[in-house]
Amino acid sequence: MSTPLSAVIITHNAARQLADCLNSLSFVSEIIILDSGSDDETKNIADAYQARFVQQDWLGYGPQKQKAVELANYDWVLCLDADERVSEELAALIQTELNNPHHQAYQFPRCNRFMGRWLKHGEGYPDISLRLFDRNVASWSDDEVHEVVRTEVSVGTLSGDLLHDSASSLDDYLARQNLYTSLQAESMYQAGKQAGAGRLLFNPLFRFFKFYFFRLGFLDGIPGLIHILIGCQNTFIKYAKLIDMHKKQ
């Protein structure tokens, strides 16, 4: 008998992506959606798929995802964002594995779609993500951004892809990156970290050579190049914001 599985999703005005996400979850035992104040059709879409819809003021990415995990009825949870969906291959592998679990947590590659192209190199792939776990032995970190699952158990790897549609437009993507760099800078500032000219200059360059050349990002064409250059810009901007915070102090 297969182990029961809860899918947990955090949302905010996710009507554009949510139906595709929920369509990919027909194999789970229940779906929990933790929403932070949507004013679009998110709730109606959730209701149409008989998902349990709960409202929660925004806590930060890590705490919000952990709250969603705690709402599940079952210990095994699959954590998704609304702009992600489970590929057919990954869904089959999850079901097979949960018939007789060999691990208490699993990771798998995430394939990112950027500017109309599914990236297969650089930072866009394989983007290994730990998203399937027994909540008794794993939990989300309390980071406000770039949160991760913390666990001390051995982690299994499944080969199927989690599909991630990065943004509806480049404007949306850049706006999100601006928010992320602000949150990262604030986190570093609160931790007492400093930055200088060396990090401003060399960390973005190192990131570019690592992902564009050594991780073969150039094979993803113009979308791959733009994706990596934005990532390098993010590295520069987060340190610039950190320096600015210290100057204002």
C-alpha atoms as a PDB file:
ATOM      1  CA  MET A   1       0.000   0.000   0.000  1.00  0.00           C
ATOM      2  CA  SER A   2       1.425   3.379  -0.994  1.00  0.00           C
ATOM      3  CA  THR A   3       2.365   5.856   1.726  1.00  0.00           C
ATOM      4  CA  PRO A   4      -0.172   8.727   1.836  1.00  0.00           C
ATOM      5  CA  LEU A   5       1.258  11.987   0.529  1.00  0.00           C
ATOM      6  CA  SER A   6       0.301  15.621   1.089  1.00  0.00           C
ATOM      7  CA  ALA A   7       1.160  18.255  -1.503  1.00  0.00           C
ATOM      8  CA  VAL A   8       1.660  21.690   0.085  1.00  0.00           C
ATOM      9  CA  ILE A   9       1.779  24.936  -1.912  1.00  0.00           C
ATOM     10  CA  ILE A  10       2.206  28.568  -0.890  1.00  0.00           C
ATOM     11  CA  THR A  11       0.413  31.143  -3.032  1.00  0.00           C
ATOM     12  CA  HIS A  12      -0.167  34.847  -3.554  1.00  0.00           C
ATOM     13  CA  ASN A  13      -2.133  35.930  -6.630  1.00  0.00           C
ATOM     14  CA  ALA A  14      -1.176  32.705  -8.369  1.00  0.00           C
ATOM     15  CA  ALA A  15      -4.200  32.269 -10.626  1.00  0.00           C
ATOM     16  CA  ARG A  16      -2.128  32.286 -13.817  1.00  0.00           C
ATOM     17  CA  GLN A  17       0.004  29.271 -12.840  1.00  0.00           C
ATOM     18  CA  LEU A  18      -1.995  27.384 -10.215  1.00  0.00           C
ATOM     19  CA  ALA A  19      -4.207  25.209 -12.446  1.00  0.00           C
ATOM     20  CA  ASP A  20      -1.191  23.691 -14.227  1.00  0.00           C
ATOM     21  CA  CYS A  21       0.411  22.976 -10.869  1.00  0.00           C
ATOM     22  CA  LEU A  22      -2.712  21.297  -9.480  1.00  0.00           C
ATOM     23  CA  ASN A  23      -3.259  19.302 -12.678  1.00  0.00           C
ATOM     24  CA  SER A  24       0.094  17.622 -12.079  1.00  0.00           C
ATOM     25  CA  LEU A  25      -0.876  16.447  -8.580  1.00  0.00           C
ATOM     26  CA  SER A  26      -3.596  13.892  -9.294  1.00  0.00           C
ATOM     27  CA  PHE A  27      -1.510  11.189  -7.573  1.00  0.00           C
ATOM     28  CA  VAL A  28      -1.349  12.806  -4.102  1.00  0.00           C
ATOM     29  CA  SER A  29      -3.664  12.105  -1.158  1.00  0.00           C
ATOM     30  CA  GLU A  30      -4.445  15.752  -0.401  1.00  0.00           C
ATOM     31  CA  ILE A  31      -3.486  19.263  -1.454  1.00  0.00           C
ATOM     32  CA  ILE A  32      -2.927  22.093   1.041  1.00  0.00           C
ATOM     33  CA  ILE A  33      -2.695  25.679  -0.213  1.00  0.00           C
ATOM     34  CA  LEU A  34      -1.441  28.326   2.204  1.00  0.00           C
ATOM     35  CA  ASP A  35      -2.298  31.722   0.759  1.00  0.00           C
ATOM     36  CA  SER A  36      -1.011  35.137   1.835  1.00  0.00           C
ATOM     37  CA  GLY A  37      -3.875  37.398   0.798  1.00  0.00           C
ATOM     38  CA  SER A  38      -4.605  36.762  -2.880  1.00  0.00           C
ATOM     39  CA  ASP A  39      -7.181  39.036  -4.483  1.00  0.00           C
ATOM     40  CA  ASP A  40      -7.391  37.221  -7.834  1.00  0.00           C
ATOM     41  CA  GLU A  41      -8.987  33.847  -8.715  1.00  0.00           C
ATOM     42  CA  THR A  42      -6.502  31.761  -6.692  1.00  0.00           C
ATOM     43  CA  LYS A  43      -9.088  30.574  -4.159  1.00  0.00           C
ATOM     44  CA  ASN A  44     -11.669  29.705  -6.820  1.00  0.00           C
ATOM     45  CA  ILE A  45      -9.108  27.593  -8.672  1.00  0.00           C
ATOM     46  CA  ALA A  46      -8.106  25.876  -5.441  1.00  0.00           C
ATOM     47  CA  ASP A  47     -11.758  25.121  -4.678  1.00  0.00           C
ATOM     48  CA  ALA A  48     -12.268  23.672  -8.161  1.00  0.00           C
ATOM     49  CA  TYR A  49      -9.524  21.147  -7.452  1.00  0.00           C
ATOM     50  CA  GLN A  50     -10.867  20.428  -3.947  1.00  0.00           C
ATOM     51  CA  ALA A  51      -7.685  21.684  -2.338  1.00  0.00           C
ATOM     52  CA  ARG A  52      -7.763  22.840   1.282  1.00  0.00           C
ATOM     53  CA  PHE A  53      -7.306  26.620   1.191  1.00  0.00           C
ATOM     54  CA  VAL A  54      -5.927  28.377   4.286  1.00  0.00           C
ATOM     55  CA  GLN A  55      -5.131  32.066   4.718  1.00  0.00           C
ATOM     56  CA  GLN A  56      -1.950  33.162   6.491  1.00  0.00           C
ATOM     57  CA  ASP A  57      -0.277  36.565   6.613  1.00  0.00           C
ATOM     58  CA  TRP A  58       3.144  36.465   4.995  1.00  0.00           C
ATOM     59  CA  LEU A  59       5.860  35.104   7.313  1.00  0.00           C
ATOM     60  CA  GLY A  60       8.810  34.978   4.920  1.00  0.00           C
ATOM     61  CA  TYR A  61       9.520  32.164   2.444  1.00  0.00           C
ATOM     62  CA  GLY A  62      10.969  29.624   4.857  1.00  0.00           C
ATOM     63  CA  PRO A  63       8.479  30.124   7.724  1.00  0.00           C
ATOM     64  CA  GLN A  64       5.539  30.242   5.284  1.00  0.00           C
ATOM     65  CA  LYS A  65       6.519  26.913   3.726  1.00  0.00           C
ATOM     66  CA  GLN A  66       7.062  25.333   7.128  1.00  0.00           C
ATOM     67  CA  LYS A  67       3.622  26.508   8.252  1.00  0.00           C
ATOM     68  CA  ALA A  68       2.122  24.840   5.163  1.00  0.00           C
ATOM     69  CA  VAL A  69       3.941  21.592   6.015  1.00  0.00           C
ATOM     70  CA  GLU A  70       2.501  21.674   9.536  1.00  0.00           C
ATOM     71  CA  LEU A  71      -1.048  21.956   8.140  1.00  0.00           C
ATOM     72  CA  ALA A  72      -0.797  18.638   6.286  1.00  0.00           C
ATOM     73  CA  ASN A  73      -2.694  15.590   7.499  1.00  0.00           C
ATOM     74  CA  TYR A  74       0.081  13.190   6.496  1.00  0.00           C
ATOM     75  CA  ASP A  75       3.752  13.068   7.463  1.00  0.00           C
ATOM     76  CA  TRP A  76       5.057  12.669   3.917  1.00  0.00           C
ATOM     77  CA  VAL A  77       4.895  16.025   2.128  1.00  0.00           C
ATOM     78  CA  LEU A  78       5.708  17.255  -1.374  1.00  0.00           C
ATOM     79  CA  CYS A  79       6.432  20.990  -1.336  1.00  0.00           C
ATOM     80  CA  LEU A  80       5.785  23.077  -4.444  1.00  0.00           C
ATOM     81  CA  ASP A  81       5.476  26.679  -5.535  1.00  0.00           C
ATOM     82  CA  ALA A  82       2.477  27.640  -7.652  1.00  0.00           C
ATOM     83  CA  ASP A  83       4.673  28.165 -10.729  1.00  0.00           C
ATOM     84  CA  GLU A  84       6.003  24.601 -10.557  1.00  0.00           C
ATOM     85  CA  ARG A  85       4.523  21.337 -11.746  1.00  0.00           C
ATOM     86  CA  VAL A  86       5.462  17.685 -11.428  1.00  0.00           C
ATOM     87  CA  SER A  87       6.459  16.013 -14.692  1.00  0.00           C
ATOM     88  CA  GLU A  88       4.814  12.699 -15.551  1.00  0.00           C
ATOM     89  CA  GLU A  89       8.142  10.924 -15.099  1.00  0.00           C
ATOM     90  CA  LEU A  90       8.682  12.414 -11.646  1.00  0.00           C
ATOM     91  CA  ALA A  91       5.093  11.636 -10.590  1.00  0.00           C
ATOM     92  CA  ALA A  92       5.581   7.971 -11.531  1.00  0.00           C
ATOM     93  CA  LEU A  93       8.907   7.784  -9.676  1.00  0.00           C
ATOM     94  CA  ILE A  94       7.420   9.334  -6.534  1.00  0.00           C
ATOM     95  CA  GLN A  95       4.540   6.861  -6.504  1.00  0.00           C
ATOM     96  CA  THR A  96       6.869   3.910  -7.033  1.00  0.00           C
ATOM     97  CA  GLU A  97       9.263   5.039  -4.321  1.00  0.00           C
ATOM     98  CA  LEU A  98       6.534   5.681  -1.754  1.00  0.00           C
ATOM     99  CA  ASN A  99       5.269   2.130  -2.196  1.00  0.00           C
ATOM    100  CA  ASN A 100       8.442   1.134  -0.346  1.00  0.00           C
ATOM    101  CA  PRO A 101      10.511   4.170   0.714  1.00  0.00           C
ATOM    102  CA  HIS A 102      14.272   3.638   0.862  1.00  0.00           C
ATOM    103  CA  HIS A 103      14.910   7.106   2.301  1.00  0.00           C
ATOM    104  CA  GLN A 104      13.051   9.650   4.416  1.00  0.00           C
ATOM    105  CA  ALA A 105      13.783  12.568   2.088  1.00  0.00           C
ATOM    106  CA  TYR A 106      14.212  12.917  -1.669  1.00  0.00           C
ATOM    107  CA  GLN A 107      15.649  15.472  -4.034  1.00  0.00           C
ATOM    108  CA  PHE A 108      15.271  15.790  -7.792  1.00  0.00           C
ATOM    109  CA  PRO A 109      16.282  18.131 -10.618  1.00  0.00           C
ATOM    110  CA  ARG A 110      14.297  21.274 -11.292  1.00  0.00           C
ATOM    111  CA  CYS A 111      14.110  22.370 -14.934  1.00  0.00           C
ATOM    112  CA  ASN A 112      13.627  26.122 -15.307  1.00  0.00           C
ATOM    113  CA  ARG A 113      11.769  27.705 -18.225  1.00  0.00           C
ATOM    114  CA  PHE A 114      13.136  31.166 -18.981  1.00  0.00           C
ATOM    115  CA  MET A 115      12.189  33.443 -21.884  1.00  0.00           C
ATOM    116  CA  GLY A 116      10.328  30.575 -23.528  1.00  0.00           C
ATOM    117  CA  ARG A 117      13.156  28.027 -23.303  1.00  0.00           C
ATOM    118  CA  TRP A 118      13.645  25.096 -20.930  1.00  0.00           C
ATOM    119  CA  LEU A 119      17.196  25.604 -19.693  1.00  0.00           C
ATOM    120  CA  LYS A 120      19.358  22.472 -19.582  1.00  0.00           C
ATOM    121  CA  HIS A 121      22.681  23.900 -18.399  1.00  0.00           C
ATOM    122  CA  GLY A 122      24.241  26.652 -16.302  1.00  0.00           C
ATOM    123  CA  GLU A 123      22.248  27.775 -13.262  1.00  0.00           C
ATOM    124  CA  GLY A 124      18.984  26.653 -14.845  1.00  0.00           C
ATOM    125  CA  TYR A 125      19.609  22.893 -14.683  1.00  0.00           C
ATOM    126  CA  PRO A 126      19.772  20.527 -12.898  1.00  0.00           C
ATOM    127  CA  ASP A 127      19.044  22.917  -9.975  1.00  0.00           C
ATOM    128  CA  ILE A 128      18.709  19.978  -7.540  1.00  0.00           C
ATOM    129  CA  SER A 129      15.902  20.601  -5.031  1.00  0.00           C
ATOM    130  CA  LEU A 130      14.898  18.681  -1.904  1.00  0.00           C
ATOM    131  CA  ARG A 131      11.103  18.831  -1.887  1.00  0.00           C
ATOM    132  CA  LEU A 132       9.801  15.407  -0.814  1.00  0.00           C
ATOM    133  CA  PHE A 133      10.286  14.354   2.803  1.00  0.00           C
ATOM    134  CA  ASP A 134       8.904  12.930   6.018  1.00  0.00           C
ATOM    135  CA  ARG A 135       8.242  16.016   8.126  1.00  0.00           C
ATOM    136  CA  ASN A 136       9.308  14.156  11.280  1.00  0.00           C
ATOM    137  CA  VAL A 137      12.929  14.260  10.107  1.00  0.00           C
ATOM    138  CA  ALA A 138      13.094  17.406   7.943  1.00  0.00           C
ATOM    139  CA  SER A 139      11.833  20.986   7.947  1.00  0.00           C
ATOM    140  CA  TRP A 140      12.217  24.269   6.100  1.00  0.00           C
ATOM    141  CA  SER A 141      14.821  26.751   7.285  1.00  0.00           C
ATOM    142  CA  ASP A 142      13.583  30.069   8.649  1.00  0.00           C
ATOM    143  CA  ASP A 143      15.306  32.100   5.910  1.00  0.00           C
ATOM    144  CA  GLU A 144      13.166  34.857   4.437  1.00  0.00           C
ATOM    145  CA  VAL A 145      14.575  34.106   0.961  1.00  0.00           C
ATOM    146  CA  HIS A 146      16.532  31.223  -0.612  1.00  0.00           C
ATOM    147  CA  GLU A 147      15.086  28.903   2.018  1.00  0.00           C
ATOM    148  CA  VAL A 148      16.195  25.255   2.119  1.00  0.00           C
ATOM    149  CA  VAL A 149      15.021  21.997   3.683  1.00  0.00           C
ATOM    150  CA  ARG A 150      17.135  21.001   6.688  1.00  0.00           C
ATOM    151  CA  THR A 151      17.590  17.334   7.544  1.00  0.00           C
ATOM    152  CA  GLU A 152      20.217  15.019   9.007  1.00  0.00           C
ATOM    153  CA  VAL A 153      18.953  11.851   7.297  1.00  0.00           C
ATOM    154  CA  SER A 154      20.315  10.442   4.055  1.00  0.00           C
ATOM    155  CA  VAL A 155      18.646  11.933   0.982  1.00  0.00           C
ATOM    156  CA  GLY A 156      17.613   9.873  -2.036  1.00  0.00           C
ATOM    157  CA  THR A 157      17.644  11.244  -5.575  1.00  0.00           C
ATOM    158  CA  LEU A 158      14.896  10.798  -8.172  1.00  0.00           C
ATOM    159  CA  SER A 159      15.672  11.436 -11.838  1.00  0.00           C
ATOM    160  CA  GLY A 160      12.385  12.982 -13.007  1.00  0.00           C
ATOM    161  CA  ASP A 161      12.147  16.757 -13.438  1.00  0.00           C
ATOM    162  CA  LEU A 162      10.217  19.287 -11.419  1.00  0.00           C
ATOM    163  CA  LEU A 163       9.191  21.877 -14.018  1.00  0.00           C
ATOM    164  CA  HIS A 164       9.474  25.549 -13.082  1.00  0.00           C
ATOM    165  CA  ASP A 165       8.087  28.375 -15.208  1.00  0.00           C
ATOM    166  CA  SER A 166      10.252  31.254 -13.958  1.00  0.00           C
ATOM    167  CA  ALA A 167       7.967  34.209 -14.826  1.00  0.00           C
ATOM    168  CA  SER A 168       5.275  35.393 -17.209  1.00  0.00           C
ATOM    169  CA  SER A 169       7.551  38.167 -18.478  1.00  0.00           C
ATOM    170  CA  LEU A 170      11.079  39.484 -18.105  1.00  0.00           C
ATOM    171  CA  ASP A 171       9.696  42.497 -16.216  1.00  0.00           C
ATOM    172  CA  ASP A 172       8.100  40.186 -13.644  1.00  0.00           C
ATOM    173  CA  TYR A 173      11.303  38.184 -13.328  1.00  0.00           C
ATOM    174  CA  LEU A 174      13.438  41.285 -12.767  1.00  0.00           C
ATOM    175  CA  ALA A 175      11.000  42.673 -10.203  1.00  0.00           C
ATOM    176  CA  ARG A 176      11.218  39.406  -8.282  1.00  0.00           C
ATOM    177  CA  GLN A 177      15.022  39.452  -8.403  1.00  0.00           C
ATOM    178  CA  ASN A 178      15.027  42.989  -7.024  1.00  0.00           C
ATOM    179  CA  LEU A 179      12.951  41.805  -4.070  1.00  0.00           C
ATOM    180  CA  TYR A 180      15.210  38.791  -3.499  1.00  0.00           C
ATOM    181  CA  THR A 181      18.403  40.878  -3.476  1.00  0.00           C
ATOM    182  CA  SER A 182      16.850  43.266  -0.936  1.00  0.00           C
ATOM    183  CA  LEU A 183      15.923  40.382   1.341  1.00  0.00           C
ATOM    184  CA  GLN A 184      19.382  38.836   0.960  1.00  0.00           C
ATOM    185  CA  ALA A 185      21.112  42.125   1.737  1.00  0.00           C
ATOM    186  CA  GLU A 186      18.939  42.655   4.805  1.00  0.00           C
ATOM    187  CA  SER A 187      19.695  39.131   6.029  1.00  0.00           C
ATOM    188  CA  MET A 188      23.455  39.673   5.601  1.00  0.00           C
ATOM    189  CA  TYR A 189      23.225  43.048   7.293  1.00  0.00           C
ATOM    190  CA  GLN A 190      21.426  41.591  10.295  1.00  0.00           C
ATOM    191  CA  ALA A 191      24.126  38.912  10.501  1.00  0.00           C
ATOM    192  CA  GLY A 192      26.805  41.587  10.653  1.00  0.00           C
ATOM    193  CA  LYS A 193      28.364  40.767   7.283  1.00  0.00           C
ATOM    194  CA  GLN A 194      30.380  43.275   5.281  1.00  0.00           C
ATOM    195  CA  ALA A 195      31.212  43.695   1.599  1.00  0.00           C
ATOM    196  CA  GLY A 196      33.791  45.699  -0.290  1.00  0.00           C
ATOM    197  CA  ALA A 197      35.116  46.326  -3.784  1.00  0.00           C
ATOM    198  CA  GLY A 198      36.531  42.793  -4.037  1.00  0.00           C
ATOM    199  CA  ARG A 199      33.140  41.110  -3.697  1.00  0.00           C
ATOM    200  CA  LEU A 200      31.468  43.669  -5.948  1.00  0.00           C
ATOM    201  CA  LEU A 201      33.957  42.965  -8.730  1.00  0.00           C
ATOM    202  CA  PHE A 202      35.050  39.359  -8.417  1.00  0.00           C
ATOM    203  CA  ASN A 203      32.008  37.447  -7.130  1.00  0.00           C
ATOM    204  CA  PRO A 204      29.872  38.280 -10.212  1.00  0.00           C
ATOM    205  CA  LEU A 205      32.804  37.393 -12.500  1.00  0.00           C
ATOM    206  CA  PHE A 206      33.353  34.082 -10.738  1.00  0.00           C
ATOM    207  CA  ARG A 207      29.641  33.311 -11.014  1.00  0.00           C
ATOM    208  CA  PHE A 208      29.659  34.048 -14.751  1.00  0.00           C
ATOM    209  CA  PHE A 209      32.660  31.853 -15.575  1.00  0.00           C
ATOM    210  CA  LYS A 210      31.366  29.033 -13.371  1.00  0.00           C
ATOM    211  CA  PHE A 211      27.918  28.792 -14.903  1.00  0.00           C
ATOM    212  CA  TYR A 212      28.413  30.079 -18.448  1.00  0.00           C
ATOM    213  CA  PHE A 213      31.580  28.153 -19.270  1.00  0.00           C
ATOM    214  CA  PHE A 214      32.170  25.339 -16.761  1.00  0.00           C
ATOM    215  CA  ARG A 215      28.466  24.486 -16.416  1.00  0.00           C
ATOM    216  CA  LEU A 216      27.940  24.974 -20.196  1.00  0.00           C
ATOM    217  CA  GLY A 217      25.360  27.735 -19.929  1.00  0.00           C
ATOM    218  CA  PHE A 218      26.345  28.939 -23.394  1.00  0.00           C
ATOM    219  CA  LEU A 219      24.537  25.888 -24.825  1.00  0.00           C
ATOM    220  CA  ASP A 220      21.202  27.436 -23.784  1.00  0.00           C
ATOM    221  CA  GLY A 221      21.537  30.246 -26.314  1.00  0.00           C
ATOM    222  CA  ILE A 222      20.444  33.821 -25.691  1.00  0.00           C
ATOM    223  CA  PRO A 223      17.976  32.899 -22.878  1.00  0.00           C
ATOM    224  CA  GLY A 224      20.797  31.077 -21.087  1.00  0.00           C
ATOM    225  CA  LEU A 225      23.132  34.053 -21.455  1.00  0.00           C
ATOM    226  CA  ILE A 226      20.521  36.507 -20.163  1.00  0.00           C
ATOM    227  CA  HIS A 227      19.636  34.187 -17.266  1.00  0.00           C
ATOM    228  CA  ILE A 228      23.257  33.995 -16.126  1.00  0.00           C
ATOM    229  CA  LEU A 229      23.929  37.716 -16.602  1.00  0.00           C
ATOM    230  CA  ILE A 230      20.905  38.538 -14.437  1.00  0.00           C
ATOM    231  CA  GLY A 231      22.270  36.146 -11.820  1.00  0.00           C
ATOM    232  CA  CYS A 232      25.617  37.959 -11.919  1.00  0.00           C
ATOM    233  CA  GLN A 233      23.832  41.275 -11.620  1.00  0.00           C
ATOM    234  CA  ASN A 234      21.988  39.937  -8.571  1.00  0.00           C
ATOM    235  CA  THR A 235      25.298  39.075  -6.924  1.00  0.00           C
ATOM    236  CA  PHE A 236      26.551  42.620  -7.556  1.00  0.00           C
ATOM    237  CA  ILE A 237      23.310  44.282  -6.449  1.00  0.00           C
ATOM    238  CA  LYS A 238      22.945  42.380  -3.166  1.00  0.00           C
ATOM    239  CA  TYR A 239      26.459  43.438  -2.120  1.00  0.00           C
ATOM    240  CA  ALA A 240      25.814  47.014  -3.290  1.00  0.00           C
ATOM    241  CA  LYS A 241      22.651  47.097  -1.162  1.00  0.00           C
ATOM    242  CA  LEU A 242      24.563  45.683   1.795  1.00  0.00           C
ATOM    243  CA  ILE A 243      27.228  48.384   1.465  1.00  0.00           C
ATOM    244  CA  ASP A 244      24.493  51.016   1.223  1.00  0.00           C
ATOM    245  CA  MET A 245      22.887  49.732   4.436  1.00  0.00           C
ATOM    246  CA  HIS A 246      26.167  50.069   6.310  1.00  0.00           C
ATOM    247  CA  LYS A 247      26.745  53.553   4.871  1.00  0.00           C
ATOM    248  CA  LYS A 248      23.304  54.669   6.080  1.00  0.00           C
ATOM    249  CA  GLN A 249      24.073  53.315   9.529  1.00  0.00           C
END
